[in-house]
Amino acid sequence: MIAGAALAVSYNSAAGRARSPQAWVFYLVTPEESFNETVVGIPHYIFSPNQITVNQGDSILIHFYNTADDTHHTFTLPSYQINVDLAPGQHQDIRFVATEAGIFPFGCTFHPTTMRGELTVLPA
């Protein structure tokens, strides 16, 4: 099983100069929080990580894993026209370039109240 983690590696030795676009790799998983959803009244599904920060022009690769054994999950990033629907136990790679600077919400269309996050793209 893959634990919730974000791996992002970038190196820039050109301090003070314009930087070249970087390539980022993230692992996005759908762990279940441990609580009684009947008592709390909300589903226990989340994204991990729920915050992703990159620079404008960077290439992004997200390894999206649905670790649930009983429900579909989506990774939906409307501003970048991304909507990936995974059945339980599936995974898919998502690739795109962060062309626009700003803060962009992402979420799961099946669990919008708890499975949400933000992609922050810093201006070049």
Protein backbone atom coordinates (compact mmCIF):
# COMPACT_ATOMS: atom_id res chain seq x y z
CA MET A 1 0.00 0.00 0.00
CA ILE A 2 1.24 3.48 -0.76
CA ALA A 3 1.23 5.90 2.14
CA GLY A 4 0.01 9.44 1.51
CA ALA A 5 3.00 11.43 0.34
CA ALA A 6 4.09 14.12 -2.02
CA LEU A 7 7.45 13.81 -3.63
CA ALA A 8 8.64 16.89 -5.42
CA VAL A 9 12.22 17.46 -6.37
CA SER A 10 13.60 20.58 -8.01
CA TYR A 11 17.07 22.07 -8.26
CA ASN A 12 17.93 25.62 -9.28
CA SER A 13 21.55 26.75 -9.21
CA ALA A 14 20.86 30.00 -11.03
CA ALA A 15 20.10 32.19 -8.02
CA GLY A 16 18.79 35.57 -9.09
CA ARG A 17 18.29 34.54 -12.72
CA ALA A 18 15.13 33.47 -14.48
CA ARG A 19 14.63 29.78 -13.86
CA SER A 20 13.85 27.15 -16.43
CA PRO A 21 10.64 25.14 -16.12
CA GLN A 22 11.03 22.13 -13.83
CA ALA A 23 9.51 18.66 -13.91
CA TRP A 24 7.55 17.65 -10.80
CA VAL A 25 6.29 14.21 -9.76
CA PHE A 26 3.52 13.82 -7.18
CA TYR A 27 1.87 10.72 -5.72
CA LEU A 28 -1.79 11.43 -5.01
CA VAL A 29 -3.62 8.76 -3.04
CA THR A 30 -7.07 8.36 -1.55
CA PRO A 31 -6.53 7.15 2.03
CA GLU A 32 -9.44 6.78 4.37
CA GLU A 33 -9.48 8.75 7.61
CA SER A 34 -10.18 6.58 10.62
CA PHE A 35 -13.51 7.63 12.15
CA ASN A 36 -17.14 6.57 12.20
CA GLU A 37 -18.69 8.34 9.22
CA THR A 38 -22.23 7.49 10.40
CA VAL A 39 -21.71 9.39 13.67
CA VAL A 40 -19.81 12.30 12.10
CA GLY A 41 -22.15 12.53 9.11
CA ILE A 42 -19.50 12.91 6.39
CA PRO A 43 -17.55 10.38 4.34
CA HIS A 44 -14.04 9.60 5.46
CA TYR A 45 -12.35 9.96 2.05
CA ILE A 46 -9.62 12.57 1.48
CA PHE A 47 -6.81 13.44 -0.95
CA SER A 48 -3.24 13.16 0.22
CA PRO A 49 -1.65 15.56 -0.40
CA ASN A 50 -4.37 18.18 -0.73
CA GLN A 51 -1.97 21.05 -1.56
CA ILE A 52 0.28 21.02 -4.62
CA THR A 53 2.54 24.00 -5.42
CA VAL A 54 4.49 24.40 -8.66
CA ASN A 55 5.74 27.20 -10.90
CA GLN A 56 4.16 28.42 -14.11
CA GLY A 57 5.62 26.49 -17.04
CA ASP A 58 6.50 23.40 -14.96
CA SER A 59 5.65 19.91 -16.22
CA ILE A 60 3.50 17.97 -13.76
CA LEU A 61 3.15 14.21 -13.43
CA ILE A 62 0.63 12.97 -10.87
CA HIS A 63 0.49 9.26 -10.08
CA PHE A 64 -3.17 9.04 -8.97
CA TYR A 65 -4.09 5.94 -6.92
CA ASN A 66 -7.58 4.98 -5.76
CA THR A 67 -6.75 2.94 -2.66
CA ALA A 68 -10.41 2.43 -1.71
CA ASP A 69 -11.85 -1.05 -2.04
CA ASP A 70 -15.48 -0.03 -2.36
CA THR A 71 -15.94 3.23 -4.29
CA HIS A 72 -14.90 5.24 -7.34
CA HIS A 73 -12.87 8.43 -6.94
CA THR A 74 -12.09 11.17 -9.42
CA PHE A 75 -9.30 13.69 -9.71
CA THR A 76 -11.08 16.67 -11.23
CA LEU A 77 -9.16 19.87 -12.00
CA PRO A 78 -11.63 21.94 -14.06
CA SER A 79 -9.27 24.83 -14.85
CA TYR A 80 -6.98 22.39 -16.68
CA GLN A 81 -9.83 20.29 -18.17
CA ILE A 82 -8.74 17.20 -16.20
CA ASN A 83 -11.28 14.64 -14.97
CA VAL A 84 -9.95 11.15 -14.22
CA ASP A 85 -12.40 8.58 -12.78
CA LEU A 86 -10.87 5.51 -11.14
CA ALA A 87 -12.55 2.33 -9.96
CA PRO A 88 -11.44 0.82 -6.62
CA GLY A 89 -7.81 -0.30 -6.66
CA GLN A 90 -6.93 1.41 -9.97
CA HIS A 91 -4.29 4.01 -10.73
CA GLN A 92 -3.54 6.35 -13.61
CA ASP A 93 -0.82 8.83 -14.47
CA ILE A 94 -1.92 12.41 -15.16
CA ARG A 95 0.43 14.71 -17.11
CA PHE A 96 0.06 18.40 -17.85
CA VAL A 97 1.99 21.67 -17.99
CA ALA A 98 1.11 24.40 -15.47
CA THR A 99 0.47 27.09 -18.10
CA GLU A 100 -1.62 29.48 -16.01
CA ALA A 101 -0.61 31.08 -12.71
CA GLY A 102 -3.16 31.10 -9.89
CA ILE A 103 -4.89 28.92 -7.32
CA PHE A 104 -6.99 26.15 -8.80
CA PRO A 105 -9.29 23.88 -6.78
CA PHE A 106 -9.37 20.14 -7.45
CA GLY A 107 -11.67 17.51 -6.05
CA CYS A 108 -13.55 14.25 -6.36
CA THR A 109 -16.97 14.49 -8.00
CA PHE A 110 -18.25 11.60 -5.85
CA HIS A 111 -17.05 13.05 -2.50
CA PRO A 112 -16.90 16.86 -2.96
CA THR A 113 -17.26 17.77 0.72
CA THR A 114 -14.10 16.01 1.90
CA MET A 115 -12.01 15.17 -1.16
CA ARG A 116 -10.76 18.55 -2.27
CA GLY A 117 -7.52 20.44 -2.54
CA GLU A 118 -5.68 23.20 -4.35
CA LEU A 119 -3.09 23.45 -7.07
CA THR A 120 -1.07 26.66 -6.61
CA VAL A 121 0.83 27.75 -9.69
CA LEU A 122 3.31 30.53 -8.90
CA PRO A 123 3.92 33.10 -11.67
CA ALA A 124 7.05 32.69 -13.79
